[in-house]
Amino acid sequence: MGEITIAVVDDHPLFREGVMRILSEIAGFAIVGQGSTKDEALQLCATVRPDILLMDISMPGGGLNAIVPILEVSPTQKIIMLTVSETGEDVMSALSKGAKGYVLKGVGSRTLEDIVRAVAAGETYVSPTLSARLLSDMSSAASPKQVNPIDDLTKREHEVLNLVAEGLSNKRIALRLGVHEKTIKQHMTHIFAKLGISNRTEAAMTLRNAITVRI
């Protein structure tokens, strides 16, 4: 991968400048823009089109409110929320709307570098403590008498979901199963509809939760 371009949107100037300074000193990273509001985030993604947008939740206009409009203008934009909010509601909202990362402020510079590289390469990242809490919340909320939505999947959809949980892309899943990528996309559409989810991270969490409940 070539140079990774990054824009930082946060309404706290000292924090924003600190993050930009740290990232600009890392080889292979280039800071191409900054902002402090939802509107500025939208403008950056429409004009500068950074590989990675690091964005706070608590800022004028709201970071969470910016995700969908950004992706409507730039569907391939990779967004990482960098925030102090640890609420499960905010995490799930960010991921379901299309953010590719959810990171807590206070993260170390080396870890942030690794996260940016991972998301730029197509991965999804959620701070480990938040991932564990989300799984725990989902497990606690599940009723033993509840019909497990996983059971509604076909055998092939189960296979696809398991490979999604392993982190494979649609293309790699297609190669593994010996089918066209278009077929996998159709399976993913059915899986999302049956499980009531909207992205691959939620799909993996739903599978893990189903396994936990059965155990």
C-alpha atoms as a PDB file:
ATOM      1  CA  MET A   1       0.000   0.000   0.000  1.00  0.00           C
ATOM      2  CA  GLY A   2       1.221   3.510  -0.822  1.00  0.00           C
ATOM      3  CA  GLU A   3       0.929   6.609   1.320  1.00  0.00           C
ATOM      4  CA  ILE A   4      -2.150   6.681   3.557  1.00  0.00           C
ATOM      5  CA  THR A   5      -3.872  10.072   3.559  1.00  0.00           C
ATOM      6  CA  ILE A   6      -5.650  11.134   6.747  1.00  0.00           C
ATOM      7  CA  ALA A   7      -8.026  13.910   7.816  1.00  0.00           C
ATOM      8  CA  VAL A   8      -8.781  14.662  11.479  1.00  0.00           C
ATOM      9  CA  VAL A   9     -12.072  16.219  12.615  1.00  0.00           C
ATOM     10  CA  ASP A  10     -12.380  17.163  16.290  1.00  0.00           C
ATOM     11  CA  ASP A  11     -13.628  20.351  17.920  1.00  0.00           C
ATOM     12  CA  HIS A  12     -10.833  20.400  20.522  1.00  0.00           C
ATOM     13  CA  PRO A  13      -7.918  22.177  18.771  1.00  0.00           C
ATOM     14  CA  LEU A  14      -5.179  20.964  21.119  1.00  0.00           C
ATOM     15  CA  PHE A  15      -6.264  17.331  20.826  1.00  0.00           C
ATOM     16  CA  ARG A  16      -6.734  17.590  17.053  1.00  0.00           C
ATOM     17  CA  GLU A  17      -3.337  19.211  16.542  1.00  0.00           C
ATOM     18  CA  GLY A  18      -1.703  16.625  18.796  1.00  0.00           C
ATOM     19  CA  VAL A  19      -3.149  13.717  16.812  1.00  0.00           C
ATOM     20  CA  MET A  20      -2.163  15.355  13.528  1.00  0.00           C
ATOM     21  CA  ARG A  21       1.388  15.968  14.727  1.00  0.00           C
ATOM     22  CA  ILE A  22       1.811  12.378  15.918  1.00  0.00           C
ATOM     23  CA  LEU A  23       0.444  10.859  12.709  1.00  0.00           C
ATOM     24  CA  SER A  24       2.356  13.230  10.416  1.00  0.00           C
ATOM     25  CA  GLU A  25       5.625  11.968  11.905  1.00  0.00           C
ATOM     26  CA  ILE A  26       4.843   8.360  10.944  1.00  0.00           C
ATOM     27  CA  ALA A  27       6.364   7.104   7.703  1.00  0.00           C
ATOM     28  CA  GLY A  28       3.730   6.449   5.070  1.00  0.00           C
ATOM     29  CA  PHE A  29       1.119   8.750   6.623  1.00  0.00           C
ATOM     30  CA  ALA A  30       0.112  12.154   5.231  1.00  0.00           C
ATOM     31  CA  ILE A  31      -2.289  14.602   6.895  1.00  0.00           C
ATOM     32  CA  VAL A  32      -4.421  16.172   4.151  1.00  0.00           C
ATOM     33  CA  GLY A  33      -7.090  18.024   6.092  1.00  0.00           C
ATOM     34  CA  GLN A  34      -8.656  18.961   9.402  1.00  0.00           C
ATOM     35  CA  GLY A  35     -11.968  20.221  10.731  1.00  0.00           C
ATOM     36  CA  SER A  36     -14.083  20.660  13.840  1.00  0.00           C
ATOM     37  CA  THR A  37     -17.712  20.134  12.772  1.00  0.00           C
ATOM     38  CA  LYS A  38     -20.007  17.714  10.950  1.00  0.00           C
ATOM     39  CA  ASP A  39     -20.211  20.076   7.950  1.00  0.00           C
ATOM     40  CA  GLU A  40     -16.436  20.354   7.725  1.00  0.00           C
ATOM     41  CA  ALA A  41     -16.146  16.565   7.855  1.00  0.00           C
ATOM     42  CA  LEU A  42     -18.586  16.309   4.936  1.00  0.00           C
ATOM     43  CA  GLN A  43     -16.682  18.928   2.959  1.00  0.00           C
ATOM     44  CA  LEU A  44     -13.344  17.190   3.545  1.00  0.00           C
ATOM     45  CA  CYS A  45     -14.646  13.839   2.355  1.00  0.00           C
ATOM     46  CA  ALA A  46     -16.286  15.380  -0.706  1.00  0.00           C
ATOM     47  CA  THR A  47     -13.241  17.388  -1.789  1.00  0.00           C
ATOM     48  CA  VAL A  48     -10.041  16.007  -0.277  1.00  0.00           C
ATOM     49  CA  ARG A  49     -11.234  12.360  -0.078  1.00  0.00           C
ATOM     50  CA  PRO A  50      -8.745  11.099   2.531  1.00  0.00           C
ATOM     51  CA  ASP A  51      -8.109   7.369   2.842  1.00  0.00           C
ATOM     52  CA  ILE A  52      -8.956   7.627   6.539  1.00  0.00           C
ATOM     53  CA  LEU A  53     -11.203  10.087   8.370  1.00  0.00           C
ATOM     54  CA  LEU A  54     -10.587  10.252  12.116  1.00  0.00           C
ATOM     55  CA  MET A  55     -13.678  11.843  13.638  1.00  0.00           C
ATOM     56  CA  ASP A  56     -14.954  12.654  17.126  1.00  0.00           C
ATOM     57  CA  ILE A  57     -18.547  11.925  18.173  1.00  0.00           C
ATOM     58  CA  SER A  58     -19.098  14.968  20.380  1.00  0.00           C
ATOM     59  CA  MET A  59     -18.737  17.997  18.127  1.00  0.00           C
ATOM     60  CA  PRO A  60     -21.004  20.556  16.430  1.00  0.00           C
ATOM     61  CA  GLY A  61     -23.487  18.669  14.268  1.00  0.00           C
ATOM     62  CA  GLY A  62     -22.539  15.356  15.857  1.00  0.00           C
ATOM     63  CA  GLY A  63     -20.016  12.849  14.548  1.00  0.00           C
ATOM     64  CA  LEU A  64     -22.520  10.019  14.415  1.00  0.00           C
ATOM     65  CA  ASN A  65     -24.845  12.203  12.328  1.00  0.00           C
ATOM     66  CA  ALA A  66     -22.061  12.756   9.813  1.00  0.00           C
ATOM     67  CA  ILE A  67     -21.416   9.091   8.950  1.00  0.00           C
ATOM     68  CA  VAL A  68     -24.373   8.376   6.655  1.00  0.00           C
ATOM     69  CA  PRO A  69     -24.179  11.687   4.695  1.00  0.00           C
ATOM     70  CA  ILE A  70     -20.426  11.148   4.201  1.00  0.00           C
ATOM     71  CA  LEU A  71     -20.935   7.641   2.849  1.00  0.00           C
ATOM     72  CA  GLU A  72     -23.697   8.852   0.541  1.00  0.00           C
ATOM     73  CA  VAL A  73     -21.224  11.257  -1.046  1.00  0.00           C
ATOM     74  CA  SER A  74     -18.186   8.966  -0.787  1.00  0.00           C
ATOM     75  CA  PRO A  75     -19.295   5.305  -0.354  1.00  0.00           C
ATOM     76  CA  THR A  76     -15.745   3.976   0.013  1.00  0.00           C
ATOM     77  CA  GLN A  77     -14.734   6.463   2.733  1.00  0.00           C
ATOM     78  CA  LYS A  78     -13.167   4.698   5.735  1.00  0.00           C
ATOM     79  CA  ILE A  79     -14.221   6.372   8.991  1.00  0.00           C
ATOM     80  CA  ILE A  80     -12.694   5.819  12.426  1.00  0.00           C
ATOM     81  CA  MET A  81     -14.502   7.310  15.406  1.00  0.00           C
ATOM     82  CA  LEU A  82     -11.977   8.626  17.959  1.00  0.00           C
ATOM     83  CA  THR A  83     -13.949   9.454  21.091  1.00  0.00           C
ATOM     84  CA  VAL A  84     -14.306   9.302  24.871  1.00  0.00           C
ATOM     85  CA  SER A  85     -17.746   7.682  24.651  1.00  0.00           C
ATOM     86  CA  GLU A  86     -17.777   4.097  25.883  1.00  0.00           C
ATOM     87  CA  THR A  87     -21.524   3.505  25.601  1.00  0.00           C
ATOM     88  CA  GLY A  88     -22.598   0.415  23.714  1.00  0.00           C
ATOM     89  CA  GLU A  89     -25.322   2.454  22.033  1.00  0.00           C
ATOM     90  CA  ASP A  90     -22.768   4.798  20.461  1.00  0.00           C
ATOM     91  CA  VAL A  91     -20.529   1.926  19.377  1.00  0.00           C
ATOM     92  CA  MET A  92     -23.367   0.024  17.703  1.00  0.00           C
ATOM     93  CA  SER A  93     -24.737   3.208  16.149  1.00  0.00           C
ATOM     94  CA  ALA A  94     -21.354   4.072  14.643  1.00  0.00           C
ATOM     95  CA  LEU A  95     -20.783   0.580  13.254  1.00  0.00           C
ATOM     96  CA  SER A  96     -24.318   0.130  11.938  1.00  0.00           C
ATOM     97  CA  LYS A  97     -24.098   3.459  10.111  1.00  0.00           C
ATOM     98  CA  GLY A  98     -20.884   2.395   8.412  1.00  0.00           C
ATOM     99  CA  ALA A  99     -17.891   3.446  10.517  1.00  0.00           C
ATOM    100  CA  LYS A 100     -14.958   1.041  10.163  1.00  0.00           C
ATOM    101  CA  GLY A 101     -13.349   1.774  13.514  1.00  0.00           C
ATOM    102  CA  TYR A 102     -14.254   2.831  17.047  1.00  0.00           C
ATOM    103  CA  VAL A 103     -11.319   3.926  19.190  1.00  0.00           C
ATOM    104  CA  LEU A 104     -11.189   5.513  22.628  1.00  0.00           C
ATOM    105  CA  LYS A 105      -9.188   8.696  23.145  1.00  0.00           C
ATOM    106  CA  GLY A 106      -6.119   8.000  25.215  1.00  0.00           C
ATOM    107  CA  VAL A 107      -4.981   5.241  22.883  1.00  0.00           C
ATOM    108  CA  GLY A 108      -1.211   5.098  22.398  1.00  0.00           C
ATOM    109  CA  SER A 109       0.377   6.465  19.235  1.00  0.00           C
ATOM    110  CA  ARG A 110       1.742   3.047  18.169  1.00  0.00           C
ATOM    111  CA  THR A 111      -1.665   1.443  18.637  1.00  0.00           C
ATOM    112  CA  LEU A 112      -3.373   4.245  16.713  1.00  0.00           C
ATOM    113  CA  GLU A 113      -0.863   3.767  13.897  1.00  0.00           C
ATOM    114  CA  ASP A 114      -1.670   0.036  13.763  1.00  0.00           C
ATOM    115  CA  ILE A 115      -5.419   0.744  13.769  1.00  0.00           C
ATOM    116  CA  VAL A 116      -5.162   3.270  10.924  1.00  0.00           C
ATOM    117  CA  ARG A 117      -3.114   0.820   8.844  1.00  0.00           C
ATOM    118  CA  ALA A 118      -5.549  -2.019   9.563  1.00  0.00           C
ATOM    119  CA  VAL A 119      -8.647  -0.001   8.630  1.00  0.00           C
ATOM    120  CA  ALA A 120      -6.915   1.363   5.521  1.00  0.00           C
ATOM    121  CA  ALA A 121      -6.290  -2.269   4.529  1.00  0.00           C
ATOM    122  CA  GLY A 122     -10.002  -3.039   4.811  1.00  0.00           C
ATOM    123  CA  GLU A 123     -10.335  -4.301   8.374  1.00  0.00           C
ATOM    124  CA  THR A 124     -12.804  -3.164  11.042  1.00  0.00           C
ATOM    125  CA  TYR A 125     -11.552  -2.261  14.523  1.00  0.00           C
ATOM    126  CA  VAL A 126     -13.278  -1.742  17.872  1.00  0.00           C
ATOM    127  CA  SER A 127     -11.341  -1.122  21.085  1.00  0.00           C
ATOM    128  CA  PRO A 128     -11.033  -4.540  22.823  1.00  0.00           C
ATOM    129  CA  THR A 129     -12.685  -3.432  26.073  1.00  0.00           C
ATOM    130  CA  LEU A 130     -15.707  -2.201  24.111  1.00  0.00           C
ATOM    131  CA  SER A 131     -15.909  -5.381  22.004  1.00  0.00           C
ATOM    132  CA  ALA A 132     -15.960  -7.508  25.155  1.00  0.00           C
ATOM    133  CA  ARG A 133     -18.625  -5.285  26.726  1.00  0.00           C
ATOM    134  CA  LEU A 134     -20.810  -5.425  23.607  1.00  0.00           C
ATOM    135  CA  LEU A 135     -20.667  -9.209  23.503  1.00  0.00           C
ATOM    136  CA  SER A 136     -21.481  -9.354  27.209  1.00  0.00           C
ATOM    137  CA  ASP A 137     -24.439  -6.995  26.779  1.00  0.00           C
ATOM    138  CA  MET A 138     -25.761  -8.973  23.822  1.00  0.00           C
ATOM    139  CA  SER A 139     -25.394 -12.230  25.738  1.00  0.00           C
ATOM    140  CA  SER A 140     -27.156 -10.830  28.822  1.00  0.00           C
ATOM    141  CA  ALA A 141     -29.996  -9.458  26.729  1.00  0.00           C
ATOM    142  CA  ALA A 142     -30.595 -12.750  24.958  1.00  0.00           C
ATOM    143  CA  SER A 143     -33.475 -14.793  26.317  1.00  0.00           C
ATOM    144  CA  PRO A 144     -33.006 -18.596  26.446  1.00  0.00           C
ATOM    145  CA  LYS A 145     -36.535 -18.972  25.041  1.00  0.00           C
ATOM    146  CA  GLN A 146     -35.858 -16.597  22.205  1.00  0.00           C
ATOM    147  CA  VAL A 147     -35.696 -18.056  18.708  1.00  0.00           C
ATOM    148  CA  ASN A 148     -32.130 -17.676  17.568  1.00  0.00           C
ATOM    149  CA  PRO A 149     -32.045 -15.823  14.206  1.00  0.00           C
ATOM    150  CA  ILE A 150     -28.948 -17.836  13.288  1.00  0.00           C
ATOM    151  CA  ASP A 151     -31.211 -20.902  12.999  1.00  0.00           C
ATOM    152  CA  ASP A 152     -33.054 -19.245  10.092  1.00  0.00           C
ATOM    153  CA  LEU A 153     -29.937 -19.286   7.918  1.00  0.00           C
ATOM    154  CA  THR A 154     -29.448 -21.918   5.237  1.00  0.00           C
ATOM    155  CA  LYS A 155     -26.443 -24.265   5.369  1.00  0.00           C
ATOM    156  CA  ARG A 156     -24.629 -22.162   2.767  1.00  0.00           C
ATOM    157  CA  GLU A 157     -25.424 -18.928   4.630  1.00  0.00           C
ATOM    158  CA  HIS A 158     -23.970 -20.515   7.778  1.00  0.00           C
ATOM    159  CA  GLU A 159     -20.787 -21.278   5.856  1.00  0.00           C
ATOM    160  CA  VAL A 160     -20.571 -17.717   4.553  1.00  0.00           C
ATOM    161  CA  LEU A 161     -21.231 -16.228   7.999  1.00  0.00           C
ATOM    162  CA  ASN A 162     -18.490 -18.341   9.572  1.00  0.00           C
ATOM    163  CA  LEU A 163     -16.004 -17.137   6.965  1.00  0.00           C
ATOM    164  CA  VAL A 164     -17.117 -13.530   7.516  1.00  0.00           C
ATOM    165  CA  ALA A 165     -16.416 -14.010  11.240  1.00  0.00           C
ATOM    166  CA  GLU A 166     -12.915 -15.171  10.308  1.00  0.00           C
ATOM    167  CA  GLY A 167     -12.390 -11.824   8.599  1.00  0.00           C
ATOM    168  CA  LEU A 168     -12.500 -12.967   4.978  1.00  0.00           C
ATOM    169  CA  SER A 169     -13.618 -10.587   2.234  1.00  0.00           C
ATOM    170  CA  ASN A 170     -16.398 -11.476  -0.199  1.00  0.00           C
ATOM    171  CA  LYS A 171     -13.778 -12.226  -2.844  1.00  0.00           C
ATOM    172  CA  ARG A 172     -11.828 -14.589  -0.589  1.00  0.00           C
ATOM    173  CA  ILE A 173     -15.044 -16.306   0.547  1.00  0.00           C
ATOM    174  CA  ALA A 174     -16.013 -16.831  -3.080  1.00  0.00           C
ATOM    175  CA  LEU A 175     -12.624 -18.394  -3.807  1.00  0.00           C
ATOM    176  CA  ARG A 176     -12.879 -20.611  -0.717  1.00  0.00           C
ATOM    177  CA  LEU A 177     -16.363 -21.856  -1.653  1.00  0.00           C
ATOM    178  CA  GLY A 178     -15.724 -22.031  -5.386  1.00  0.00           C
ATOM    179  CA  VAL A 179     -18.496 -19.643  -6.414  1.00  0.00           C
ATOM    180  CA  HIS A 180     -18.762 -16.178  -7.982  1.00  0.00           C
ATOM    181  CA  GLU A 181     -18.269 -13.117  -5.765  1.00  0.00           C
ATOM    182  CA  LYS A 182     -21.719 -11.906  -6.898  1.00  0.00           C
ATOM    183  CA  THR A 183     -23.232 -15.043  -5.317  1.00  0.00           C
ATOM    184  CA  ILE A 184     -21.537 -14.255  -2.005  1.00  0.00           C
ATOM    185  CA  LYS A 185     -22.896 -10.702  -2.116  1.00  0.00           C
ATOM    186  CA  GLN A 186     -26.397 -12.133  -2.538  1.00  0.00           C
ATOM    187  CA  HIS A 187     -25.852 -14.448   0.438  1.00  0.00           C
ATOM    188  CA  MET A 188     -24.654 -11.459   2.496  1.00  0.00           C
ATOM    189  CA  THR A 189     -27.810  -9.519   1.617  1.00  0.00           C
ATOM    190  CA  HIS A 190     -29.960 -12.432   2.822  1.00  0.00           C
ATOM    191  CA  ILE A 191     -27.877 -12.875   5.987  1.00  0.00           C
ATOM    192  CA  PHE A 192     -28.120  -9.178   6.879  1.00  0.00           C
ATOM    193  CA  ALA A 193     -31.894  -9.238   6.325  1.00  0.00           C
ATOM    194  CA  LYS A 194     -32.465 -12.395   8.392  1.00  0.00           C
ATOM    195  CA  LEU A 195     -30.279 -11.220  11.282  1.00  0.00           C
ATOM    196  CA  GLY A 196     -31.537  -7.625  11.211  1.00  0.00           C
ATOM    197  CA  ILE A 197     -28.029  -6.192  10.861  1.00  0.00           C
ATOM    198  CA  SER A 198     -26.249  -3.912   8.423  1.00  0.00           C
ATOM    199  CA  ASN A 199     -22.525  -4.691   8.429  1.00  0.00           C
ATOM    200  CA  ARG A 200     -19.944  -7.477   8.719  1.00  0.00           C
ATOM    201  CA  THR A 201     -18.875  -6.565  12.261  1.00  0.00           C
ATOM    202  CA  GLU A 202     -22.435  -7.002  13.550  1.00  0.00           C
ATOM    203  CA  ALA A 203     -22.649 -10.290  11.642  1.00  0.00           C
ATOM    204  CA  ALA A 204     -19.553 -11.627  13.395  1.00  0.00           C
ATOM    205  CA  MET A 205     -20.835 -10.419  16.784  1.00  0.00           C
ATOM    206  CA  THR A 206     -24.214 -12.085  16.212  1.00  0.00           C
ATOM    207  CA  LEU A 207     -22.513 -15.386  15.409  1.00  0.00           C
ATOM    208  CA  ARG A 208     -20.272 -15.209  18.477  1.00  0.00           C
ATOM    209  CA  ASN A 209     -23.253 -14.311  20.640  1.00  0.00           C
ATOM    210  CA  ALA A 210     -25.224 -17.281  19.296  1.00  0.00           C
ATOM    211  CA  ILE A 211     -22.346 -19.604  20.143  1.00  0.00           C
ATOM    212  CA  THR A 212     -22.091 -18.110  23.662  1.00  0.00           C
ATOM    213  CA  VAL A 213     -25.814 -18.584  24.299  1.00  0.00           C
ATOM    214  CA  ARG A 214     -25.683 -22.214  23.200  1.00  0.00           C
ATOM    215  CA  ILE A 215     -22.746 -22.926  25.460  1.00  0.00           C
END
